[in-house]
Amino acid sequence: MEIYMIYKKSDKSITGFIAEDNTEFAENDTHNISTNKVDWEDPLKTFEEVSDTINSTHEIEEDGSCVLK
């Protein structure tokens, strides 16, 4: 499954995700969505269950793309 990452603009930390079939996201003053999708290895787990892993393995670049560290 591929997902978009929601990230905090101030420090580029990943704060959530949106499944590839639900890409309706409105940028706001504090958060934006990644410009690309990344593989989500275990779709059965919630973001809360793996948030530390996501932030330790992925990062947001200046152009808004999400990449592996």
Protein backbone atom coordinates (compact mmCIF):
# COMPACT_ATOMS: atom_id res chain seq x y z
CA MET A 1 0.00 0.00 0.00
CA GLU A 2 1.27 3.47 -0.83
CA ILE A 3 0.46 6.52 1.28
CA TYR A 4 1.10 10.26 1.37
CA MET A 5 2.72 11.67 4.51
CA ILE A 6 1.34 14.67 6.40
CA TYR A 7 4.16 16.73 7.85
CA LYS A 8 4.61 19.75 10.10
CA LYS A 9 6.06 22.66 8.14
CA SER A 10 8.11 24.04 11.03
CA ASP A 11 10.37 21.03 11.60
CA LYS A 12 9.32 18.70 8.74
CA SER A 13 8.32 15.95 11.20
CA ILE A 14 5.81 13.42 9.90
CA THR A 15 2.55 13.67 11.84
CA GLY A 16 0.15 11.47 9.90
CA PHE A 17 -0.68 9.83 6.60
CA ILE A 18 -3.37 9.62 3.96
CA ALA A 19 -4.12 6.45 2.02
CA GLU A 20 -3.52 6.64 -1.72
CA ASP A 21 -7.25 6.43 -2.47
CA ASN A 22 -8.07 9.39 -0.20
CA THR A 23 -5.87 12.25 -1.36
CA GLU A 24 -8.19 15.11 -0.41
CA PHE A 25 -6.00 17.24 1.82
CA ALA A 26 -5.97 21.00 2.20
CA GLU A 27 -2.65 22.60 3.10
CA ASN A 28 -2.88 24.90 6.12
CA ASP A 29 -0.59 27.24 8.06
CA THR A 30 1.11 24.44 9.98
CA HIS A 31 0.85 21.23 7.92
CA ASN A 32 1.22 20.04 4.36
CA ILE A 33 1.21 16.72 2.48
CA SER A 34 4.17 15.04 0.80
CA THR A 35 4.47 15.49 -2.93
CA ASN A 36 5.03 11.76 -3.42
CA LYS A 37 3.75 8.47 -2.00
CA VAL A 38 5.78 6.01 0.07
CA ASP A 39 5.28 2.32 0.77
CA TRP A 40 3.43 1.52 3.98
CA GLU A 41 4.69 -1.90 5.01
CA ASP A 42 1.94 -2.89 7.45
CA PRO A 43 -1.44 -1.35 6.63
CA LEU A 44 -3.02 -3.18 9.59
CA LYS A 45 -1.16 -1.02 12.12
CA THR A 46 -2.30 2.50 12.93
CA PHE A 47 -0.05 5.51 12.55
CA GLU A 48 0.13 5.87 16.33
CA GLU A 49 1.56 2.34 16.60
CA VAL A 50 4.42 3.10 14.24
CA SER A 51 4.91 6.89 14.41
CA ASP A 52 8.36 6.65 16.01
CA THR A 53 9.48 4.21 13.33
CA ILE A 54 8.20 6.42 10.51
CA ASN A 55 9.97 9.50 11.86
CA SER A 56 13.19 7.53 12.36
CA THR A 57 13.17 5.97 8.88
CA HIS A 58 11.68 8.72 6.67
CA GLU A 59 12.21 12.44 6.28
CA ILE A 60 10.70 15.30 4.34
CA GLU A 61 12.93 17.14 1.88
CA GLU A 62 12.78 20.89 1.13
CA ASP A 63 10.65 20.21 -1.97
CA GLY A 64 8.06 18.35 0.11
CA SER A 65 9.04 14.86 -1.01
CA CYS A 66 9.22 12.04 1.52
CA VAL A 67 12.36 9.88 1.33
CA LEU A 68 14.08 7.17 3.33
CA LYS A 69 16.83 8.52 5.59
